[in-house]
Amino acid sequence: MRTEATTTNELIEPQGLVFKPGQKFGDWRIISKLDEGGFGQVYKVQNSKNPKKLAALKAEPNDVEGGSAIKLEITVLLLLNRNGELPHIPIVYHSAKRKRFCYMVITLLGPNLKALKAESLNDKFSVSTWSRIGIQALYSLKLLHDSGFVHRDIKPANFAMGHPDDGERARIVHLLDFGLSRSYAVERVKGQWIPRRARGSAEFRGTARYCSPYVHEKFEQGRKDDLWALLYILIEFNFGLPWQKERDRHKLEVRKLNIPDDILLKNFPEEMHAIVPHLRHLNMYNRPDYLLIYNCFLKLLEKYKIKYSDKYDWETDEQFSKLRHSKPAAYEDATDFFKSDPVAVNEPPLPGQSTKSTATMDDIDNMLKRAKNNEK
């Protein structure tokens, strides 16, 4: 990110990252506050050259313990969209670094899945809704994995629908918050990826309710661990997780690590049961069989006669009438996508192969440079 000085037509940076309506960031002006997280703020902004164009500004202090998460977020988002805009992935319109904070301006989205579930009947979703959400979430995770990264904090709050006024994205699930992401493979030359060697022990990263059982045991996270978290989310959406009311983390871990598969899947549709033994078979380096998981969803859609154009649980009749005739989305016919394997990493690095077991920001910076070159 470039360093951007405050100009005469911009407001002075307030203390504590509390921005005021009207403050300018490049061509974007603050309208209102949207959200506040553990490391920063999120604001709704308007483009000064095109007032009809709205976006979200996310800001983070430069003195965050552990280093900048927002720099990594920007890097991952640029990499994902390096060959053009992708579905399920926000777009970075603008980013910069100032004396006290970094920020990025990205696609304005709608409510996240945690908020939508909280407003739903009995705090759950219908099979029709969560199955189609699940396919989209799986699609978004493969997009991320195909760029050499794992997310490491998959949870309902990190998936959001498009903004209700955005006809192209309103019914699309978007993957959010890449601040805990980590590269599992590095693209040394175009199209040739080298796996990153797993650490002997890794600090806990993620959310205890949803993270893979292997995260509790301090194993390095791979692609399978993101999919474990997605599976837990879907089980919660369908009927609830056995440990979701447990507030004591140690008790939660013990219950999760010792629960038999038949109890975990007791109220989950049979069509989805093949996912668990597949995930248990994988190690950190293995590529998951995304097509196997996708086909489980397709069997479920066929059994319940679910159509992609059906109304989601939260949609009103008015919203549905405006959006249901949108063109088919990429995830609606995605067999070839889920078959594809552009990274082709399935094993540990070869002896003597140059990889790093600690931070790889140099590798990330090199990938970012290539992404920017591809955009020119």
Protein backbone atom coordinates (compact mmCIF):
# COMPACT_ATOMS: atom_id res chain seq x y z
CA MET A 1 0.00 0.00 0.00
CA ARG A 2 1.22 3.49 -0.71
CA THR A 3 1.52 6.14 1.97
CA GLU A 4 -1.05 8.86 1.46
CA ALA A 5 -0.69 12.26 3.10
CA THR A 6 -3.66 14.26 4.34
CA THR A 7 -4.51 17.03 1.87
CA THR A 8 -6.09 20.40 2.55
CA ASN A 9 -9.60 19.26 1.60
CA GLU A 10 -9.52 16.34 4.04
CA LEU A 11 -10.46 16.37 7.70
CA ILE A 12 -7.76 15.87 10.30
CA GLU A 13 -7.50 12.24 11.41
CA PRO A 14 -9.50 11.94 14.64
CA GLN A 15 -8.26 9.96 17.61
CA GLY A 16 -9.25 6.30 17.98
CA LEU A 17 -10.17 5.82 14.30
CA VAL A 18 -13.55 7.47 14.87
CA PHE A 19 -14.18 9.01 11.47
CA LYS A 20 -16.82 11.67 10.93
CA PRO A 21 -19.33 11.97 8.05
CA GLY A 22 -17.74 13.89 5.22
CA GLN A 23 -14.15 12.82 5.86
CA LYS A 24 -12.43 12.05 2.57
CA PHE A 25 -10.23 9.10 1.62
CA GLY A 26 -9.14 9.50 -1.97
CA ASP A 27 -12.36 9.76 -3.99
CA TRP A 28 -14.43 8.34 -1.12
CA ARG A 29 -16.28 10.18 1.63
CA ILE A 30 -17.59 8.77 4.93
CA ILE A 31 -21.39 8.53 5.16
CA SER A 32 -21.95 6.49 8.32
CA LYS A 33 -20.49 3.79 10.56
CA LEU A 34 -21.42 0.20 9.69
CA ASP A 35 -19.59 -2.00 12.17
CA GLU A 36 -16.78 -2.25 14.69
CA GLY A 37 -14.47 -5.21 15.14
CA GLY A 38 -11.66 -6.19 17.45
CA PHE A 39 -9.04 -4.42 15.34
CA GLY A 40 -10.79 -1.59 13.55
CA GLN A 41 -13.86 0.09 12.13
CA VAL A 42 -16.05 -0.33 9.04
CA TYR A 43 -17.82 2.63 7.42
CA LYS A 44 -20.20 3.18 4.54
CA VAL A 45 -18.63 5.52 1.97
CA GLN A 46 -19.72 7.31 -1.20
CA ASN A 47 -17.70 8.04 -4.31
CA SER A 48 -17.34 11.80 -4.77
CA LYS A 49 -17.11 11.52 -8.57
CA ASN A 50 -20.04 9.11 -8.85
CA PRO A 51 -22.45 9.66 -5.91
CA LYS A 52 -24.48 6.59 -6.88
CA LYS A 53 -21.48 4.36 -6.17
CA LEU A 54 -21.31 3.19 -2.56
CA ALA A 55 -18.70 1.03 -0.84
CA ALA A 56 -17.36 0.00 2.57
CA LEU A 57 -14.21 1.42 4.17
CA LYS A 58 -12.33 -0.76 6.64
CA ALA A 59 -9.64 0.87 8.80
CA GLU A 60 -7.10 -0.63 11.20
CA PRO A 61 -4.51 1.02 13.52
CA ASN A 62 -0.87 0.53 12.51
CA ASP A 63 0.08 -0.53 16.02
CA VAL A 64 -2.08 -3.68 16.09
CA GLU A 65 -0.35 -6.42 18.03
CA GLY A 66 0.88 -9.19 15.75
CA GLY A 67 1.17 -7.00 12.67
CA SER A 68 -1.19 -5.63 10.07
CA ALA A 69 -4.10 -7.87 9.18
CA ILE A 70 -5.47 -5.40 6.68
CA LYS A 71 -2.33 -5.54 4.51
CA LEU A 72 -2.79 -9.28 4.24
CA GLU A 73 -6.49 -8.82 3.47
CA ILE A 74 -5.70 -6.42 0.63
CA THR A 75 -3.05 -8.77 -0.72
CA VAL A 76 -5.40 -11.76 -0.76
CA LEU A 77 -8.25 -9.79 -2.33
CA LEU A 78 -6.01 -8.41 -5.09
CA LEU A 79 -4.65 -11.87 -5.79
CA LEU A 80 -8.11 -13.36 -6.00
CA ASN A 81 -9.30 -10.69 -8.45
CA ARG A 82 -6.01 -10.41 -10.37
CA ASN A 83 -7.50 -11.74 -13.59
CA GLY A 84 -10.81 -9.90 -13.27
CA GLU A 85 -13.65 -9.68 -10.78
CA LEU A 86 -14.71 -12.96 -9.21
CA PRO A 87 -18.08 -13.90 -7.75
CA HIS A 88 -18.15 -14.37 -3.97
CA ILE A 89 -15.10 -12.10 -3.50
CA PRO A 90 -15.23 -8.37 -2.60
CA ILE A 91 -13.39 -5.89 -4.84
CA VAL A 92 -10.73 -3.50 -3.53
CA TYR A 93 -11.45 -0.05 -4.99
CA HIS A 94 -8.80 1.86 -3.07
CA SER A 95 -6.27 1.30 -0.27
CA ALA A 96 -3.62 3.37 1.48
CA LYS A 97 -1.49 3.76 4.59
CA ARG A 98 -1.47 6.80 6.81
CA LYS A 99 0.59 7.69 9.85
CA ARG A 100 -1.66 5.97 12.39
CA PHE A 101 -3.73 3.55 10.37
CA CYS A 102 -4.24 1.60 7.14
CA TYR A 103 -7.51 1.36 5.27
CA MET A 104 -9.15 -0.18 2.24
CA VAL A 105 -12.33 0.61 0.32
CA ILE A 106 -14.14 -2.52 -0.84
CA THR A 107 -17.49 -3.74 -2.15
CA LEU A 108 -20.46 -2.74 0.01
CA LEU A 109 -22.23 -5.93 1.08
CA GLY A 110 -25.41 -6.83 2.91
CA PRO A 111 -25.99 -8.71 6.18
CA ASN A 112 -23.73 -11.58 7.18
CA LEU A 113 -25.03 -15.11 7.74
CA LYS A 114 -24.76 -14.85 11.51
CA ALA A 115 -27.13 -11.87 11.55
CA LEU A 116 -29.52 -13.50 9.07
CA LYS A 117 -29.67 -16.70 11.13
CA ALA A 118 -30.35 -14.73 14.31
CA GLU A 119 -33.42 -13.23 12.64
CA SER A 120 -34.65 -16.56 11.24
CA LEU A 121 -37.35 -18.84 12.61
CA ASN A 122 -35.98 -20.88 15.57
CA ASP A 123 -32.49 -19.52 14.82
CA LYS A 124 -32.09 -21.97 11.93
CA PHE A 125 -32.36 -22.06 8.14
CA SER A 126 -34.44 -24.32 5.94
CA VAL A 127 -32.66 -27.06 3.99
CA SER A 128 -33.40 -25.13 0.82
CA THR A 129 -31.59 -22.06 2.12
CA TRP A 130 -28.56 -23.61 3.83
CA SER A 131 -27.86 -26.06 1.00
CA ARG A 132 -27.61 -23.26 -1.56
CA ILE A 133 -25.61 -21.13 0.85
CA GLY A 134 -23.31 -24.11 1.33
CA ILE A 135 -22.62 -24.55 -2.38
CA GLN A 136 -21.72 -20.87 -2.68
CA ALA A 137 -19.50 -20.99 0.40
CA LEU A 138 -17.73 -24.08 -0.98
CA TYR A 139 -17.21 -22.23 -4.28
CA SER A 140 -15.74 -19.20 -2.49
CA LEU A 141 -13.38 -21.37 -0.44
CA LYS A 142 -12.06 -23.14 -3.52
CA LEU A 143 -11.42 -19.74 -5.12
CA LEU A 144 -9.32 -18.84 -2.09
CA HIS A 145 -7.54 -22.20 -1.99
CA ASP A 146 -6.77 -21.95 -5.71
CA SER A 147 -4.83 -18.76 -4.88
CA GLY A 148 -2.58 -20.57 -2.43
CA PHE A 149 -4.25 -19.47 0.82
CA VAL A 150 -6.36 -20.97 3.57
CA HIS A 151 -8.73 -18.72 5.50
CA ARG A 152 -8.37 -20.09 9.08
CA ASP A 153 -11.43 -18.33 10.51
CA ILE A 154 -14.48 -19.71 8.71
CA LYS A 155 -17.66 -18.79 10.61
CA PRO A 156 -21.12 -17.40 9.73
CA ALA A 157 -20.07 -13.80 10.40
CA ASN A 158 -17.38 -14.11 7.71
CA PHE A 159 -19.89 -14.80 4.94
CA ALA A 160 -22.18 -12.02 3.76
CA MET A 161 -24.83 -11.65 1.10
CA GLY A 162 -24.53 -8.90 -1.47
CA HIS A 163 -26.15 -5.58 -0.73
CA PRO A 164 -29.95 -5.72 -1.30
CA ASP A 165 -29.73 -2.86 -3.84
CA ASP A 166 -26.96 -4.58 -5.84
CA GLY A 167 -28.84 -6.63 -8.40
CA GLU A 168 -25.72 -8.51 -9.52
CA ARG A 169 -24.60 -9.55 -6.03
CA ALA A 170 -27.68 -9.48 -3.77
CA ARG A 171 -28.16 -13.27 -3.86
CA ILE A 172 -24.46 -14.09 -3.86
CA VAL A 173 -22.59 -15.25 -0.75
CA HIS A 174 -19.28 -13.42 -0.23
CA LEU A 175 -16.26 -14.59 1.74
CA LEU A 176 -14.91 -11.95 4.15
CA ASP A 177 -12.10 -11.09 6.58
CA PHE A 178 -8.82 -12.56 5.40
CA GLY A 179 -6.78 -11.16 8.29
CA LEU A 180 -5.95 -14.64 9.65
CA SER A 181 -5.28 -16.20 6.24
CA ARG A 182 -2.03 -18.03 5.61
CA SER A 183 -0.39 -19.28 2.46
CA TYR A 184 -0.14 -23.05 2.22
CA ALA A 185 1.65 -22.94 -1.14
CA VAL A 186 3.78 -20.41 -3.01
CA GLU A 187 3.75 -19.81 -6.76
CA ARG A 188 7.47 -19.59 -7.55
CA VAL A 189 6.87 -19.25 -11.29
CA LYS A 190 3.60 -18.91 -13.14
CA GLY A 191 1.57 -22.10 -12.79
CA GLN A 192 4.15 -23.91 -10.62
CA TRP A 193 3.34 -24.08 -6.92
CA ILE A 194 5.49 -25.32 -4.05
CA PRO A 195 3.84 -26.44 -0.80
CA ARG A 196 4.79 -24.63 2.38
CA ARG A 197 6.29 -26.94 4.97
CA ALA A 198 4.00 -27.45 7.97
CA ARG A 199 5.19 -26.28 11.37
CA GLY A 200 5.51 -28.88 14.11
CA SER A 201 3.01 -26.97 16.22
CA ALA A 202 0.82 -24.00 15.35
CA GLU A 203 -0.87 -21.45 17.61
CA PHE A 204 -4.65 -21.51 17.74
CA ARG A 205 -6.20 -19.49 14.94
CA GLY A 206 -9.93 -19.35 14.34
CA THR A 207 -13.17 -19.50 16.30
CA ALA A 208 -13.54 -22.35 18.79
CA ARG A 209 -17.14 -23.21 17.90
CA TYR A 210 -16.40 -23.74 14.19
CA CYS A 211 -12.71 -24.53 13.78
CA SER A 212 -11.51 -27.97 12.71
CA PRO A 213 -10.85 -30.50 15.50
CA TYR A 214 -7.21 -30.52 14.40
CA VAL A 215 -6.85 -26.82 15.20
CA HIS A 216 -7.51 -27.61 18.88
CA GLU A 217 -4.62 -30.06 18.72
CA LYS A 218 -2.33 -27.33 17.31
CA PHE A 219 -1.78 -28.91 13.90
CA GLU A 220 -0.95 -26.70 10.93
CA GLN A 221 -4.09 -25.78 9.04
CA GLY A 222 -4.66 -26.82 5.44
CA ARG A 223 -7.53 -26.63 2.99
CA LYS A 224 -9.41 -29.41 4.77
CA ASP A 225 -9.66 -27.33 7.94
CA ASP A 226 -11.63 -24.58 6.19
CA LEU A 227 -14.01 -27.26 4.96
CA TRP A 228 -14.42 -28.74 8.43
CA ALA A 229 -15.52 -25.30 9.62
CA LEU A 230 -17.97 -25.00 6.73
CA LEU A 231 -19.43 -28.40 7.62
CA TYR A 232 -19.93 -27.32 11.24
CA ILE A 233 -21.65 -24.14 10.06
CA LEU A 234 -24.09 -26.12 7.93
CA ILE A 235 -24.84 -28.54 10.78
CA GLU A 236 -25.58 -25.52 12.99
CA PHE A 237 -27.81 -23.98 10.32
CA ASN A 238 -29.74 -27.24 9.96
CA PHE A 239 -30.36 -28.32 13.54
CA GLY A 240 -27.62 -26.98 15.79
CA LEU A 241 -24.15 -28.10 16.90
CA PRO A 242 -23.86 -30.39 19.93
CA TRP A 243 -21.45 -27.90 21.57
CA GLN A 244 -22.89 -24.57 20.38
CA LYS A 245 -24.18 -23.57 23.83
CA GLU A 246 -20.95 -24.53 25.56
CA ARG A 247 -19.16 -21.41 26.86
CA ASP A 248 -16.17 -23.12 28.45
CA ARG A 249 -13.56 -23.56 25.73
CA HIS A 250 -11.89 -26.59 27.32
CA LYS A 251 -15.22 -28.43 27.63
CA LEU A 252 -16.06 -27.48 24.06
CA GLU A 253 -12.75 -28.88 22.82
CA VAL A 254 -13.17 -32.14 24.73
CA ARG A 255 -16.68 -32.61 23.39
CA LYS A 256 -15.71 -31.81 19.81
CA LEU A 257 -12.66 -34.07 19.83
CA ASN A 258 -14.52 -37.03 21.28
CA ILE A 259 -17.92 -36.89 19.61
CA PRO A 260 -18.69 -39.94 17.43
CA ASP A 261 -19.51 -39.16 13.81
CA ASP A 262 -22.97 -40.72 14.06
CA ILE A 263 -23.85 -38.33 16.91
CA LEU A 264 -22.41 -35.33 15.09
CA LEU A 265 -24.43 -36.17 11.97
CA LYS A 266 -27.55 -37.47 13.75
CA ASN A 267 -29.94 -34.85 12.37
CA PHE A 268 -27.96 -33.98 9.26
CA PRO A 269 -29.27 -35.20 5.88
CA GLU A 270 -27.82 -38.55 4.85
CA GLU A 271 -26.77 -37.11 1.50
CA MET A 272 -24.11 -35.05 3.33
CA HIS A 273 -22.65 -37.85 5.48
CA ALA A 274 -19.87 -38.80 3.03
CA ILE A 275 -18.08 -35.50 3.73
CA VAL A 276 -16.88 -36.39 7.24
CA PRO A 277 -14.95 -39.61 6.45
CA HIS A 278 -13.38 -37.85 3.47
CA LEU A 279 -12.14 -34.94 5.59
CA ARG A 280 -10.84 -37.28 8.29
CA HIS A 281 -8.73 -39.01 5.64
CA LEU A 282 -6.87 -35.81 4.67
CA ASN A 283 -3.70 -34.30 6.07
CA MET A 284 -2.53 -30.68 5.90
CA TYR A 285 -1.08 -31.05 2.40
CA ASN A 286 -3.86 -33.04 0.72
CA ARG A 287 -6.21 -31.44 -1.77
CA PRO A 288 -9.83 -32.00 -0.70
CA ASP A 289 -12.21 -33.58 -3.18
CA TYR A 290 -14.34 -30.51 -3.79
CA LEU A 291 -16.35 -32.36 -6.43
CA LEU A 292 -17.32 -35.07 -3.93
CA ILE A 293 -18.67 -32.39 -1.57
CA TYR A 294 -20.41 -30.54 -4.40
CA ASN A 295 -22.10 -33.77 -5.49
CA CYS A 296 -23.40 -34.26 -1.95
CA PHE A 297 -25.11 -30.89 -2.25
CA LEU A 298 -26.53 -31.79 -5.67
CA LYS A 299 -28.06 -35.00 -4.27
CA LEU A 300 -29.67 -32.93 -1.52
CA LEU A 301 -31.08 -30.42 -3.99
CA GLU A 302 -32.48 -33.25 -6.09
CA LYS A 303 -34.06 -35.02 -3.10
CA TYR A 304 -35.89 -31.91 -1.88
CA LYS A 305 -36.55 -30.55 -5.39
CA ILE A 306 -34.70 -27.34 -4.55
CA LYS A 307 -34.13 -24.81 -7.30
CA TYR A 308 -31.38 -22.18 -7.29
CA SER A 309 -34.02 -19.57 -8.03
CA ASP A 310 -36.10 -20.42 -4.93
CA LYS A 311 -36.61 -17.72 -2.31
CA TYR A 312 -34.16 -17.59 0.58
CA ASP A 313 -35.62 -17.64 4.08
CA TRP A 314 -34.93 -13.95 4.69
CA GLU A 315 -36.18 -12.61 1.35
CA THR A 316 -39.51 -10.81 1.21
CA ASP A 317 -41.87 -11.39 -1.68
CA GLU A 318 -41.01 -7.93 -2.99
CA GLN A 319 -37.26 -8.58 -2.90
CA PHE A 320 -37.73 -11.98 -4.47
CA SER A 321 -39.81 -10.64 -7.36
CA LYS A 322 -37.04 -8.19 -8.24
CA LEU A 323 -34.11 -10.61 -8.02
CA ARG A 324 -35.23 -14.08 -9.00
CA HIS A 325 -34.87 -13.50 -12.75
CA SER A 326 -31.15 -12.69 -12.56
CA LYS A 327 -28.89 -14.62 -14.95
CA PRO A 328 -27.59 -17.99 -13.69
CA ALA A 329 -24.62 -17.71 -11.35
CA ALA A 330 -21.33 -19.58 -11.84
CA TYR A 331 -21.97 -21.91 -8.89
CA GLU A 332 -25.16 -23.24 -10.49
CA ASP A 333 -23.21 -25.34 -13.00
CA ALA A 334 -19.81 -25.81 -11.40
CA THR A 335 -18.74 -29.40 -12.02
CA ASP A 336 -15.72 -28.39 -14.12
CA PHE A 337 -14.72 -25.75 -11.58
CA PHE A 338 -14.77 -28.21 -8.68
CA LYS A 339 -12.81 -30.73 -10.76
CA SER A 340 -10.06 -28.26 -11.62
CA ASP A 341 -6.77 -28.25 -9.71
CA PRO A 342 -4.65 -25.24 -10.72
CA VAL A 343 -2.36 -25.46 -7.66
CA ALA A 344 -1.66 -29.22 -7.95
CA VAL A 345 -0.32 -29.53 -4.39
CA ASN A 346 -1.13 -32.78 -2.63
CA GLU A 347 2.08 -33.74 -0.79
CA PRO A 348 4.78 -32.18 1.41
CA PRO A 349 7.66 -30.31 -0.27
CA LEU A 350 10.50 -32.45 -1.57
CA PRO A 351 13.68 -32.76 0.52
CA GLY A 352 15.81 -29.68 -0.03
CA GLN A 353 13.00 -27.77 -1.69
CA SER A 354 13.16 -24.11 -0.67
CA THR A 355 10.23 -23.28 1.59
CA LYS A 356 9.84 -21.28 4.76
CA SER A 357 8.32 -22.49 8.01
CA THR A 358 7.80 -19.00 9.43
CA ALA A 359 6.30 -15.82 7.99
CA THR A 360 6.38 -15.58 4.17
CA MET A 361 5.56 -11.90 3.66
CA ASP A 362 8.34 -11.70 1.02
CA ASP A 363 6.57 -14.42 -0.95
CA ILE A 364 3.25 -12.65 -0.48
CA ASP A 365 4.73 -9.34 -1.63
CA ASN A 366 6.14 -11.02 -4.76
CA MET A 367 2.73 -12.54 -5.51
CA LEU A 368 1.15 -9.12 -5.02
CA LYS A 369 3.57 -7.53 -7.49
CA ARG A 370 2.71 -10.16 -10.08
CA ALA A 371 -1.00 -9.58 -9.44
CA LYS A 372 -0.60 -5.84 -10.02
CA ASN A 373 1.38 -6.48 -13.22
CA ASN A 374 -1.41 -8.71 -14.49
CA GLU A 375 -3.91 -5.89 -13.91
CA LYS A 376 -2.04 -3.48 -16.21
